[in-house]
N, C-alpha and C. Protein backbone atom coordinates (compact mmCIF):
# COMPACT_ATOMS: atom_id res chain seq x y z
N MET A 1 319.02 120.06 104.88
CA MET A 1 319.55 120.67 106.09
C MET A 1 318.45 120.79 107.12
N GLY A 2 318.69 120.24 108.32
CA GLY A 2 317.70 120.35 109.37
C GLY A 2 317.87 121.64 110.14
N SER A 3 316.78 122.25 110.52
CA SER A 3 316.84 123.50 111.28
C SER A 3 317.19 123.19 112.73
N SER A 4 317.89 124.15 113.37
CA SER A 4 318.27 123.99 114.77
C SER A 4 317.04 124.09 115.66
N PRO A 5 317.01 123.33 116.75
CA PRO A 5 315.83 123.35 117.63
C PRO A 5 315.64 124.72 118.27
N VAL A 6 314.39 125.06 118.47
CA VAL A 6 314.06 126.33 119.12
C VAL A 6 314.09 126.12 120.64
N ILE A 7 314.95 126.86 121.30
CA ILE A 7 315.11 126.74 122.75
C ILE A 7 314.31 127.84 123.42
N THR A 8 313.42 127.46 124.30
CA THR A 8 312.57 128.42 125.01
C THR A 8 313.15 128.71 126.40
N PRO A 9 312.73 129.82 127.01
CA PRO A 9 313.18 130.11 128.38
C PRO A 9 312.83 128.98 129.36
N GLU A 10 311.70 128.31 129.09
CA GLU A 10 311.32 127.20 129.98
C GLU A 10 312.33 126.06 129.90
N ASP A 11 312.88 125.83 128.69
CA ASP A 11 313.88 124.78 128.53
C ASP A 11 315.14 125.10 129.34
N VAL A 12 315.56 126.35 129.27
CA VAL A 12 316.75 126.77 130.02
C VAL A 12 316.49 126.65 131.51
N LEU A 13 315.33 127.10 131.96
CA LEU A 13 315.00 127.04 133.38
C LEU A 13 314.95 125.60 133.87
N LEU A 14 314.38 124.71 133.06
CA LEU A 14 314.30 123.31 133.46
C LEU A 14 315.69 122.69 133.59
N SER A 15 316.58 123.04 132.67
CA SER A 15 317.95 122.53 132.76
C SER A 15 318.65 123.04 134.01
N LEU A 16 318.45 124.31 134.33
CA LEU A 16 319.07 124.89 135.53
C LEU A 16 318.52 124.25 136.81
N MET A 17 317.26 123.88 136.78
CA MET A 17 316.66 123.24 137.95
C MET A 17 317.16 121.80 138.11
N ASN A 18 317.35 121.12 136.99
CA ASN A 18 317.76 119.72 137.05
C ASN A 18 319.21 119.55 137.51
N ASP A 19 320.09 120.47 137.12
CA ASP A 19 321.50 120.31 137.51
C ASP A 19 321.84 121.01 138.82
N GLY A 20 320.85 121.58 139.52
CA GLY A 20 321.08 122.18 140.83
C GLY A 20 321.56 123.62 140.79
N THR A 21 321.65 124.21 139.59
CA THR A 21 322.14 125.59 139.49
C THR A 21 321.18 126.57 140.15
N ILE A 22 319.88 126.33 140.00
CA ILE A 22 318.89 127.22 140.59
C ILE A 22 319.04 127.27 142.11
N ASP A 23 319.22 126.12 142.72
CA ASP A 23 319.38 126.07 144.19
C ASP A 23 320.62 126.84 144.63
N SER A 24 321.71 126.70 143.87
CA SER A 24 322.94 127.41 144.21
C SER A 24 322.76 128.92 144.09
N LEU A 25 322.10 129.37 143.03
CA LEU A 25 321.86 130.80 142.85
C LEU A 25 320.91 131.34 143.91
N ARG A 26 319.89 130.55 144.26
CA ARG A 26 318.94 130.98 145.29
C ARG A 26 319.66 131.18 146.63
N LEU A 27 320.57 130.26 146.96
CA LEU A 27 321.31 130.38 148.22
C LEU A 27 322.19 131.63 148.23
N LYS A 28 322.81 131.95 147.11
CA LYS A 28 323.64 133.16 147.03
C LYS A 28 322.79 134.41 147.20
N ILE A 29 321.60 134.41 146.61
CA ILE A 29 320.71 135.58 146.74
C ILE A 29 320.28 135.76 148.19
N ILE A 30 319.92 134.66 148.85
CA ILE A 30 319.48 134.74 150.26
C ILE A 30 320.61 135.27 151.14
N ASN A 31 321.83 134.79 150.91
CA ASN A 31 322.96 135.25 151.73
C ASN A 31 323.23 136.74 151.53
N GLN A 32 323.07 137.21 150.30
CA GLN A 32 323.29 138.63 150.06
C GLN A 32 322.17 139.48 150.64
N LEU A 33 320.95 138.95 150.67
CA LEU A 33 319.85 139.68 151.32
C LEU A 33 320.08 139.77 152.83
N LYS A 34 320.61 138.71 153.42
CA LYS A 34 320.88 138.73 154.85
C LYS A 34 321.96 139.76 155.20
N SER A 35 322.89 139.96 154.29
CA SER A 35 323.97 140.93 154.55
C SER A 35 323.61 142.34 154.11
N ASN A 36 322.39 142.54 153.62
CA ASN A 36 321.94 143.86 153.19
C ASN A 36 321.50 144.67 154.42
N GLU A 37 322.38 145.51 154.92
CA GLU A 37 322.10 146.27 156.14
C GLU A 37 320.96 147.27 155.94
N GLU A 38 320.87 147.83 154.76
CA GLU A 38 319.79 148.81 154.49
C GLU A 38 318.42 148.15 154.59
N LEU A 39 318.28 146.97 153.99
CA LEU A 39 317.01 146.24 154.06
C LEU A 39 316.70 145.82 155.49
N LYS A 40 317.72 145.39 156.21
CA LYS A 40 317.53 144.96 157.60
C LYS A 40 317.06 146.13 158.47
N ASN A 41 317.72 147.27 158.34
CA ASN A 41 317.35 148.44 159.16
C ASN A 41 315.94 148.95 158.81
N THR A 42 315.59 148.88 157.53
CA THR A 42 314.25 149.31 157.12
C THR A 42 313.17 148.42 157.73
N THR A 43 313.41 147.11 157.73
CA THR A 43 312.44 146.16 158.31
C THR A 43 312.29 146.37 159.81
N ILE A 44 313.41 146.60 160.51
CA ILE A 44 313.34 146.84 161.96
C ILE A 44 312.55 148.11 162.26
N LYS A 45 312.79 149.16 161.47
CA LYS A 45 312.08 150.42 161.69
C LYS A 45 310.58 150.25 161.44
N MET A 46 310.23 149.47 160.43
CA MET A 46 308.81 149.22 160.15
C MET A 46 308.15 148.47 161.30
N ALA A 47 308.87 147.52 161.90
CA ALA A 47 308.30 146.76 163.03
C ALA A 47 308.14 147.64 164.26
N GLU A 48 309.12 148.52 164.50
CA GLU A 48 309.03 149.41 165.66
C GLU A 48 307.86 150.38 165.55
N GLN A 49 307.53 150.78 164.33
CA GLN A 49 306.44 151.74 164.11
C GLN A 49 305.10 151.06 163.81
N SER A 50 305.05 149.74 163.91
CA SER A 50 303.81 149.02 163.58
C SER A 50 302.72 149.27 164.62
N LYS A 51 301.49 149.09 164.16
CA LYS A 51 300.35 149.25 165.07
C LYS A 51 300.32 148.13 166.11
N VAL A 52 300.79 146.96 165.72
CA VAL A 52 300.75 145.81 166.63
C VAL A 52 301.55 146.07 167.89
N LEU A 53 302.76 146.59 167.74
CA LEU A 53 303.62 146.81 168.91
C LEU A 53 303.25 148.08 169.67
N ASN A 54 302.53 148.98 169.03
CA ASN A 54 302.17 150.23 169.69
C ASN A 54 300.73 150.25 170.21
N THR A 55 300.09 149.11 170.18
CA THR A 55 298.72 149.01 170.72
C THR A 55 298.79 148.66 172.20
N PRO A 56 298.03 149.35 173.05
CA PRO A 56 298.03 149.01 174.48
C PRO A 56 297.69 147.53 174.71
N GLY A 57 298.44 146.90 175.60
CA GLY A 57 298.22 145.48 175.90
C GLY A 57 299.07 144.56 175.06
N ALA A 58 299.91 145.12 174.17
CA ALA A 58 300.75 144.26 173.32
C ALA A 58 301.77 143.48 174.14
N GLU A 59 302.20 144.08 175.26
CA GLU A 59 303.21 143.40 176.08
C GLU A 59 302.65 142.14 176.75
N LYS A 60 301.34 142.00 176.79
CA LYS A 60 300.73 140.82 177.42
C LYS A 60 300.59 139.65 176.44
N GLN A 61 300.81 139.90 175.15
CA GLN A 61 300.68 138.85 174.15
C GLN A 61 301.94 137.98 174.11
N THR A 62 301.78 136.77 173.65
CA THR A 62 302.93 135.88 173.50
C THR A 62 303.72 136.26 172.24
N LYS A 63 304.94 135.72 172.15
CA LYS A 63 305.78 136.00 170.99
C LYS A 63 305.12 135.49 169.71
N ARG A 64 304.49 134.34 169.81
CA ARG A 64 303.83 133.78 168.62
C ARG A 64 302.69 134.67 168.16
N GLU A 65 301.91 135.17 169.08
CA GLU A 65 300.79 136.05 168.73
C GLU A 65 301.29 137.35 168.11
N LEU A 66 302.36 137.92 168.68
CA LEU A 66 302.94 139.15 168.13
C LEU A 66 303.50 138.91 166.73
N PHE A 67 304.16 137.79 166.54
CA PHE A 67 304.75 137.49 165.23
C PHE A 67 303.66 137.35 164.17
N ASP A 68 302.60 136.61 164.48
CA ASP A 68 301.51 136.45 163.51
C ASP A 68 300.86 137.79 163.18
N ALA A 69 300.69 138.64 164.21
CA ALA A 69 300.08 139.95 163.98
C ALA A 69 300.99 140.84 163.14
N LEU A 70 302.29 140.80 163.39
CA LEU A 70 303.25 141.58 162.59
C LEU A 70 303.29 141.09 161.15
N ARG A 71 303.23 139.80 160.94
CA ARG A 71 303.26 139.27 159.57
C ARG A 71 302.03 139.73 158.79
N GLN A 72 300.89 139.70 159.41
CA GLN A 72 299.68 140.15 158.72
C GLN A 72 299.75 141.64 158.37
N GLU A 73 300.37 142.42 159.25
CA GLU A 73 300.42 143.87 159.01
C GLU A 73 301.53 144.26 158.04
N LEU A 74 302.70 143.62 158.14
CA LEU A 74 303.87 144.09 157.41
C LEU A 74 304.32 143.17 156.28
N GLU A 75 303.71 142.02 156.12
CA GLU A 75 304.20 141.03 155.15
C GLU A 75 304.30 141.62 153.74
N THR A 76 303.25 142.27 153.30
CA THR A 76 303.23 142.80 151.93
C THR A 76 304.32 143.85 151.72
N GLN A 77 304.45 144.77 152.68
CA GLN A 77 305.45 145.84 152.54
C GLN A 77 306.88 145.28 152.56
N VAL A 78 307.12 144.34 153.47
CA VAL A 78 308.47 143.76 153.57
C VAL A 78 308.81 142.97 152.31
N LEU A 79 307.88 142.20 151.80
CA LEU A 79 308.13 141.40 150.60
C LEU A 79 308.38 142.30 149.38
N GLU A 80 307.69 143.42 149.30
CA GLU A 80 307.92 144.35 148.19
C GLU A 80 309.36 144.88 148.21
N LYS A 81 309.81 145.26 149.38
CA LYS A 81 311.18 145.78 149.49
C LYS A 81 312.21 144.67 149.24
N ALA A 82 311.94 143.46 149.75
CA ALA A 82 312.86 142.34 149.51
C ALA A 82 312.90 141.98 148.03
N SER A 83 311.73 141.99 147.38
CA SER A 83 311.67 141.68 145.95
C SER A 83 312.47 142.70 145.13
N LYS A 84 312.35 143.97 145.52
CA LYS A 84 313.11 145.02 144.83
C LYS A 84 314.61 144.79 144.98
N SER A 85 315.04 144.39 146.18
CA SER A 85 316.47 144.13 146.42
C SER A 85 316.94 142.93 145.61
N VAL A 86 316.09 141.90 145.49
CA VAL A 86 316.46 140.71 144.71
C VAL A 86 316.66 141.07 143.24
N TRP A 87 315.74 141.87 142.69
CA TRP A 87 315.87 142.26 141.30
C TRP A 87 317.10 143.14 141.07
N GLU A 88 317.45 143.93 142.04
CA GLU A 88 318.68 144.72 141.93
C GLU A 88 319.91 143.81 141.85
N LEU A 89 319.89 142.72 142.62
CA LEU A 89 320.99 141.76 142.56
C LEU A 89 321.03 141.04 141.21
N ILE A 90 319.85 140.65 140.71
CA ILE A 90 319.79 139.91 139.45
C ILE A 90 320.23 140.77 138.27
N LEU A 91 319.89 142.05 138.30
CA LEU A 91 320.20 142.95 137.18
C LEU A 91 321.55 143.63 137.32
N ASP A 92 322.26 143.35 138.38
CA ASP A 92 323.58 143.98 138.59
C ASP A 92 324.59 143.37 137.62
N ASN A 93 325.19 144.21 136.79
CA ASN A 93 326.13 143.72 135.78
C ASN A 93 327.53 143.46 136.33
N ASN A 94 327.78 143.86 137.56
CA ASN A 94 329.12 143.70 138.12
C ASN A 94 329.20 142.67 139.24
N GLY A 95 328.07 142.11 139.64
CA GLY A 95 328.08 141.18 140.76
C GLY A 95 327.39 139.88 140.42
N LEU A 96 326.42 139.51 141.25
CA LEU A 96 325.71 138.25 141.05
C LEU A 96 324.93 138.24 139.74
N GLY A 97 324.41 139.39 139.32
CA GLY A 97 323.67 139.45 138.06
C GLY A 97 324.52 139.04 136.88
N ASN A 98 325.78 139.41 136.89
CA ASN A 98 326.69 139.03 135.82
C ASN A 98 326.90 137.52 135.79
N GLU A 99 327.00 136.92 136.98
CA GLU A 99 327.15 135.46 137.06
C GLU A 99 325.90 134.75 136.53
N ILE A 100 324.73 135.26 136.89
CA ILE A 100 323.48 134.65 136.42
C ILE A 100 323.36 134.74 134.90
N SER A 101 323.69 135.90 134.34
CA SER A 101 323.60 136.07 132.88
C SER A 101 324.54 135.12 132.15
N GLY A 102 325.77 134.99 132.66
CA GLY A 102 326.72 134.08 132.03
C GLY A 102 326.27 132.63 132.12
N THR A 103 325.69 132.24 133.26
CA THR A 103 325.21 130.87 133.42
C THR A 103 324.07 130.56 132.46
N VAL A 104 323.11 131.48 132.36
CA VAL A 104 321.97 131.28 131.46
C VAL A 104 322.44 131.20 130.01
N GLU A 105 323.40 132.05 129.64
CA GLU A 105 323.88 132.05 128.25
C GLU A 105 324.60 130.75 127.92
N ARG A 106 325.39 130.23 128.84
CA ARG A 106 326.10 128.97 128.59
C ARG A 106 325.12 127.80 128.43
N VAL A 107 324.08 127.77 129.27
CA VAL A 107 323.08 126.70 129.16
C VAL A 107 322.32 126.81 127.84
N PHE A 108 321.97 128.02 127.45
CA PHE A 108 321.26 128.21 126.19
C PHE A 108 322.11 127.74 125.02
N CYS A 109 323.39 128.09 125.01
CA CYS A 109 324.28 127.66 123.92
C CYS A 109 324.42 126.14 123.90
N ARG A 110 324.50 125.53 125.07
CA ARG A 110 324.64 124.07 125.13
C ARG A 110 323.39 123.38 124.59
N LEU A 111 322.22 123.88 124.97
CA LEU A 111 320.97 123.25 124.51
C LEU A 111 320.73 123.46 123.02
N SER A 112 321.17 124.59 122.49
CA SER A 112 320.95 124.89 121.07
C SER A 112 322.08 124.38 120.18
N GLY A 113 323.09 123.76 120.76
CA GLY A 113 324.19 123.22 119.98
C GLY A 113 325.17 124.27 119.49
N ARG A 114 325.19 125.40 120.12
CA ARG A 114 326.11 126.47 119.73
C ARG A 114 327.33 126.48 120.65
N GLU A 115 328.36 127.14 120.15
CA GLU A 115 329.56 127.29 120.97
C GLU A 115 329.34 128.38 122.01
N PRO A 116 329.80 128.15 123.23
CA PRO A 116 329.67 129.21 124.26
C PRO A 116 330.54 130.40 123.92
N PRO A 117 330.30 131.53 124.52
CA PRO A 117 331.10 132.74 124.25
C PRO A 117 332.59 132.47 124.48
N PRO A 118 333.45 132.91 123.55
CA PRO A 118 334.89 132.64 123.70
C PRO A 118 335.54 133.41 124.83
N PHE A 119 334.95 134.52 125.21
CA PHE A 119 335.54 135.35 126.24
C PHE A 119 334.81 135.14 127.55
N PRO A 120 335.54 135.24 128.68
CA PRO A 120 334.89 135.10 129.99
C PRO A 120 334.01 136.30 130.28
N PRO A 121 333.12 136.19 131.25
CA PRO A 121 332.29 137.34 131.65
C PRO A 121 333.17 138.52 132.02
N PRO A 122 332.64 139.75 131.91
CA PRO A 122 333.44 140.94 132.22
C PRO A 122 334.08 140.90 133.59
N GLU A 123 333.36 140.38 134.58
CA GLU A 123 333.92 140.37 135.94
C GLU A 123 335.16 139.48 135.99
N ASP A 124 335.07 138.27 135.34
CA ASP A 124 336.22 137.38 135.35
C ASP A 124 337.39 137.99 134.59
N ALA A 125 337.08 138.67 133.47
CA ALA A 125 338.15 139.30 132.70
C ALA A 125 338.83 140.38 133.52
N ASN A 126 338.03 141.18 134.21
CA ASN A 126 338.61 142.24 135.05
C ASN A 126 339.46 141.65 136.17
N ASN A 127 338.97 140.55 136.75
CA ASN A 127 339.76 139.92 137.81
C ASN A 127 341.08 139.38 137.27
N ALA A 128 341.03 138.81 136.06
CA ALA A 128 342.26 138.29 135.46
C ALA A 128 343.25 139.41 135.19
N ILE A 129 342.75 140.54 134.64
CA ILE A 129 343.62 141.68 134.37
C ILE A 129 344.22 142.22 135.66
N ALA A 130 343.38 142.32 136.70
CA ALA A 130 343.87 142.81 137.99
C ALA A 130 344.93 141.89 138.56
N SER A 131 344.74 140.57 138.37
CA SER A 131 345.73 139.61 138.88
C SER A 131 347.05 139.75 138.14
N VAL A 132 346.98 139.92 136.80
CA VAL A 132 348.21 140.10 136.02
C VAL A 132 348.94 141.37 136.43
N ASN A 133 348.18 142.46 136.61
CA ASN A 133 348.80 143.72 137.04
C ASN A 133 349.44 143.59 138.41
N ALA A 134 348.75 142.88 139.31
CA ALA A 134 349.30 142.71 140.66
C ALA A 134 350.60 141.91 140.61
N ASN A 135 350.64 140.85 139.76
CA ASN A 135 351.86 140.06 139.65
C ASN A 135 352.99 140.88 139.04
N ALA A 136 352.64 141.72 138.05
CA ALA A 136 353.66 142.57 137.44
C ALA A 136 354.23 143.56 138.44
N ASP A 137 353.34 144.16 139.24
CA ASP A 137 353.81 145.10 140.26
C ASP A 137 354.69 144.41 141.28
N THR A 138 354.32 143.17 141.66
CA THR A 138 355.12 142.43 142.63
C THR A 138 356.51 142.14 142.08
N SER A 139 356.57 141.72 140.80
CA SER A 139 357.86 141.43 140.18
C SER A 139 358.72 142.68 140.08
N ALA A 140 358.08 143.80 139.70
CA ALA A 140 358.83 145.05 139.58
C ALA A 140 359.37 145.50 140.93
N ASN A 141 358.55 145.37 141.97
CA ASN A 141 359.00 145.75 143.31
C ASN A 141 360.14 144.87 143.78
N ALA A 142 360.04 143.55 143.49
CA ALA A 142 361.11 142.64 143.90
C ALA A 142 362.41 142.96 143.17
N LYS A 143 362.31 143.28 141.87
CA LYS A 143 363.50 143.63 141.10
C LYS A 143 364.13 144.92 141.61
N ALA A 144 363.28 145.92 141.89
CA ALA A 144 363.79 147.19 142.41
C ALA A 144 364.45 146.99 143.76
N SER A 145 363.87 146.13 144.59
CA SER A 145 364.45 145.86 145.90
C SER A 145 365.80 145.19 145.76
N GLY A 146 365.91 144.24 144.79
CA GLY A 146 367.19 143.58 144.57
C GLY A 146 368.26 144.54 144.08
N ASN A 147 367.87 145.45 143.16
CA ASN A 147 368.83 146.44 142.67
C ASN A 147 369.27 147.37 143.78
N ASP A 148 368.34 147.74 144.65
CA ASP A 148 368.69 148.62 145.77
C ASP A 148 369.68 147.96 146.70
N LYS A 149 369.48 146.66 146.96
CA LYS A 149 370.42 145.93 147.82
C LYS A 149 371.81 145.87 147.19
N GLU A 150 371.85 145.62 145.85
CA GLU A 150 373.14 145.57 145.17
C GLU A 150 373.85 146.92 145.23
N ASN A 151 373.08 148.01 145.04
CA ASN A 151 373.69 149.34 145.10
C ASN A 151 374.25 149.63 146.48
N ARG A 152 373.49 149.26 147.54
CA ARG A 152 373.99 149.48 148.89
C ARG A 152 375.24 148.66 149.16
N LYS A 153 375.28 147.43 148.60
CA LYS A 153 376.45 146.58 148.79
C LYS A 153 377.67 147.18 148.12
N GLU A 154 377.49 147.69 146.87
CA GLU A 154 378.60 148.30 146.15
C GLU A 154 379.09 149.56 146.87
N LYS A 155 378.13 150.37 147.38
CA LYS A 155 378.53 151.57 148.12
C LYS A 155 379.31 151.19 149.36
N GLY A 156 378.91 150.11 150.03
CA GLY A 156 379.62 149.66 151.22
C GLY A 156 381.04 149.23 150.90
N LYS A 157 381.21 148.51 149.75
CA LYS A 157 382.55 148.09 149.36
C LYS A 157 383.43 149.30 149.06
N THR A 158 382.88 150.26 148.30
CA THR A 158 383.66 151.46 147.96
C THR A 158 384.06 152.24 149.19
N LYS A 159 383.12 152.39 150.13
CA LYS A 159 383.40 153.11 151.36
C LYS A 159 384.46 152.39 152.18
N GLY A 160 384.40 151.05 152.20
CA GLY A 160 385.39 150.28 152.95
C GLY A 160 386.78 150.43 152.36
N LYS A 161 386.87 150.43 151.01
CA LYS A 161 388.17 150.62 150.38
C LYS A 161 388.73 152.00 150.68
N ALA A 162 387.88 153.03 150.61
CA ALA A 162 388.35 154.39 150.90
C ALA A 162 388.83 154.52 152.33
N THR A 163 388.12 153.89 153.26
CA THR A 163 388.51 153.94 154.68
C THR A 163 389.84 153.24 154.89
N ALA A 164 390.02 152.08 154.24
CA ALA A 164 391.27 151.34 154.39
C ALA A 164 392.43 152.13 153.82
N THR A 165 392.22 152.78 152.67
CA THR A 165 393.29 153.58 152.06
C THR A 165 393.69 154.74 152.95
N ALA A 166 392.70 155.45 153.49
CA ALA A 166 392.99 156.58 154.39
C ALA A 166 393.71 156.11 155.64
N SER A 167 393.34 154.95 156.17
CA SER A 167 393.98 154.42 157.38
C SER A 167 395.43 154.08 157.11
N ASN A 168 395.71 153.44 155.96
CA ASN A 168 397.09 153.10 155.62
C ASN A 168 397.94 154.34 155.44
N SER A 169 397.36 155.37 154.79
CA SER A 169 398.10 156.61 154.59
C SER A 169 398.43 157.27 155.93
N HIS A 170 397.46 157.23 156.85
CA HIS A 170 397.68 157.82 158.17
C HIS A 170 398.76 157.07 158.94
N GLU A 171 398.78 155.75 158.83
CA GLU A 171 399.78 154.95 159.52
C GLU A 171 401.18 155.24 158.97
N LYS A 172 401.25 155.43 157.65
CA LYS A 172 402.55 155.74 157.06
C LYS A 172 403.08 157.08 157.55
N GLU A 173 402.17 158.05 157.70
CA GLU A 173 402.61 159.35 158.18
C GLU A 173 403.09 159.29 159.62
N LYS A 174 402.45 158.45 160.45
CA LYS A 174 402.83 158.33 161.85
C LYS A 174 404.13 157.55 162.02
N ALA A 175 404.43 156.62 161.15
CA ALA A 175 405.63 155.79 161.31
C ALA A 175 406.89 156.64 161.13
N PRO A 176 407.94 156.45 161.97
CA PRO A 176 409.20 157.22 161.85
C PRO A 176 409.92 156.87 160.56
N LYS A 177 410.45 157.88 159.92
CA LYS A 177 411.16 157.67 158.67
C LYS A 177 412.55 157.08 158.94
N LYS A 178 412.96 156.11 158.14
CA LYS A 178 414.29 155.51 158.26
C LYS A 178 415.34 156.45 157.65
N ARG A 179 416.41 156.65 158.37
CA ARG A 179 417.49 157.54 157.90
C ARG A 179 418.60 156.70 157.29
N ARG A 180 419.15 157.22 156.23
CA ARG A 180 420.24 156.53 155.56
C ARG A 180 421.54 156.66 156.38
N TYR A 181 422.45 155.73 156.11
CA TYR A 181 423.73 155.72 156.83
C TYR A 181 424.55 156.97 156.53
N SER A 182 424.49 157.42 155.28
CA SER A 182 425.26 158.60 154.89
C SER A 182 424.79 159.84 155.65
N GLU A 183 423.45 159.93 155.88
CA GLU A 183 422.92 161.08 156.61
C GLU A 183 423.38 161.04 158.06
N ILE A 184 423.33 159.84 158.67
CA ILE A 184 423.78 159.72 160.07
C ILE A 184 425.26 160.04 160.18
N ASN A 185 426.08 159.53 159.24
CA ASN A 185 427.53 159.77 159.27
C ASN A 185 427.84 161.24 159.12
N ALA A 186 427.11 161.91 158.21
CA ALA A 186 427.35 163.34 157.99
C ALA A 186 427.01 164.14 159.22
N GLN A 187 425.90 163.74 159.87
CA GLN A 187 425.51 164.45 161.09
C GLN A 187 426.56 164.26 162.19
N GLY A 188 427.11 163.01 162.30
CA GLY A 188 428.14 162.75 163.31
C GLY A 188 429.40 163.56 163.07
N GLN A 189 429.81 163.66 161.81
CA GLN A 189 431.00 164.45 161.51
C GLN A 189 430.80 165.92 161.82
N GLY A 190 429.59 166.41 161.57
CA GLY A 190 429.30 167.81 161.87
C GLY A 190 429.40 168.08 163.35
N GLU A 191 428.93 167.15 164.17
CA GLU A 191 429.01 167.35 165.62
C GLU A 191 430.46 167.31 166.10
N GLU A 192 431.30 166.39 165.50
CA GLU A 192 432.71 166.33 165.89
C GLU A 192 433.44 167.61 165.53
N ASN A 193 433.14 168.17 164.37
CA ASN A 193 433.79 169.42 163.96
C ASN A 193 433.44 170.54 164.90
N GLN A 194 432.16 170.56 165.36
CA GLN A 194 431.77 171.60 166.30
C GLN A 194 432.55 171.48 167.60
N VAL A 195 432.76 170.26 168.09
CA VAL A 195 433.52 170.06 169.34
C VAL A 195 434.96 170.48 169.18
N ALA A 196 435.55 170.12 168.02
CA ALA A 196 436.96 170.49 167.78
C ALA A 196 437.11 171.99 167.69
N ALA A 197 436.18 172.64 167.07
CA ALA A 197 436.25 174.09 166.94
C ALA A 197 436.19 174.74 168.30
N LYS A 198 435.38 174.20 169.17
CA LYS A 198 435.29 174.77 170.52
C LYS A 198 436.59 174.58 171.30
N SER A 199 437.28 173.44 171.10
CA SER A 199 438.54 173.19 171.84
C SER A 199 439.66 174.10 171.39
N ASP A 200 439.64 174.58 170.13
CA ASP A 200 440.68 175.47 169.61
C ASP A 200 440.51 176.90 170.07
N GLU A 201 439.38 177.25 170.58
CA GLU A 201 439.16 178.63 171.01
C GLU A 201 440.00 178.93 172.25
N PRO A 202 440.59 180.18 172.40
CA PRO A 202 441.42 180.54 173.60
C PRO A 202 440.56 180.59 174.83
N PRO A 203 441.12 180.26 175.99
CA PRO A 203 440.35 180.28 177.23
C PRO A 203 439.89 181.67 177.55
N ALA A 204 438.84 181.76 178.18
CA ALA A 204 438.27 183.07 178.52
C ALA A 204 439.14 183.76 179.55
N ALA A 205 439.21 185.10 179.47
CA ALA A 205 440.04 185.89 180.41
C ALA A 205 439.52 185.76 181.81
N VAL A 206 440.48 185.64 182.75
CA VAL A 206 440.10 185.49 184.16
C VAL A 206 439.76 186.85 184.71
N PRO A 207 438.70 186.99 185.35
CA PRO A 207 438.34 188.30 185.91
C PRO A 207 439.41 188.77 186.89
N GLU A 208 439.54 190.14 187.00
CA GLU A 208 440.55 190.74 187.86
C GLU A 208 440.33 190.37 189.31
N GLU A 209 439.13 190.22 189.73
CA GLU A 209 438.86 189.88 191.12
C GLU A 209 439.45 188.54 191.45
N SER A 210 439.38 187.58 190.46
CA SER A 210 439.95 186.26 190.72
C SER A 210 441.45 186.36 190.85
N GLN A 211 442.15 187.25 190.05
CA GLN A 211 443.58 187.39 190.15
C GLN A 211 443.98 187.99 191.49
N VAL A 212 443.24 188.93 192.00
CA VAL A 212 443.54 189.55 193.29
C VAL A 212 443.46 188.52 194.39
N LEU A 213 442.47 187.63 194.33
CA LEU A 213 442.34 186.60 195.34
C LEU A 213 443.52 185.65 195.31
N LYS A 214 444.03 185.39 194.09
CA LYS A 214 445.17 184.49 193.99
C LYS A 214 446.40 185.11 194.63
N THR A 215 446.64 186.46 194.54
CA THR A 215 447.81 187.10 195.11
C THR A 215 447.64 187.26 196.59
């Protein structure tokens, strides 16, 4: 049985340099340093308080002369702060540092003939979980919205039926009722009997004054 080759950090670094990974990581670090507002504000404050800019006659110097003088005075301090920020990025387990660690581990496994880690880096796993949760929430919201629309539609149908029923009932109450022939005939006979009864009554007595006028 042959022993597996011993992989050194230099081997991993050389592989990263050859495939362009180092250049890609360096560019990401530079972009994040440029967007670091705290580092930018600190550097500006250091330049404003520098001896070069606060020395009488500084306004008479050219930009190149001022820049060279500022670099000599502040280069070490600025580089120390920038280096600290870079190491914070590299050691960050939730950002670029996590990406760097995963890349180095994959290259080491490839060079040593081992299988890479079966699970994705924590950041990728968290992103995947967040994506699944977001899709689940979207599906649940869409389903709830569909059920709400169906409920409103059913309520509208029920309300429409109730309105139509009430309207028909009201129309029936307003419509004149049809009378049967027997009812009309009975009413007519009653009126005839009343007229006949009135004709049988004796004529009213003529007042005495009317009789005197006749004589």
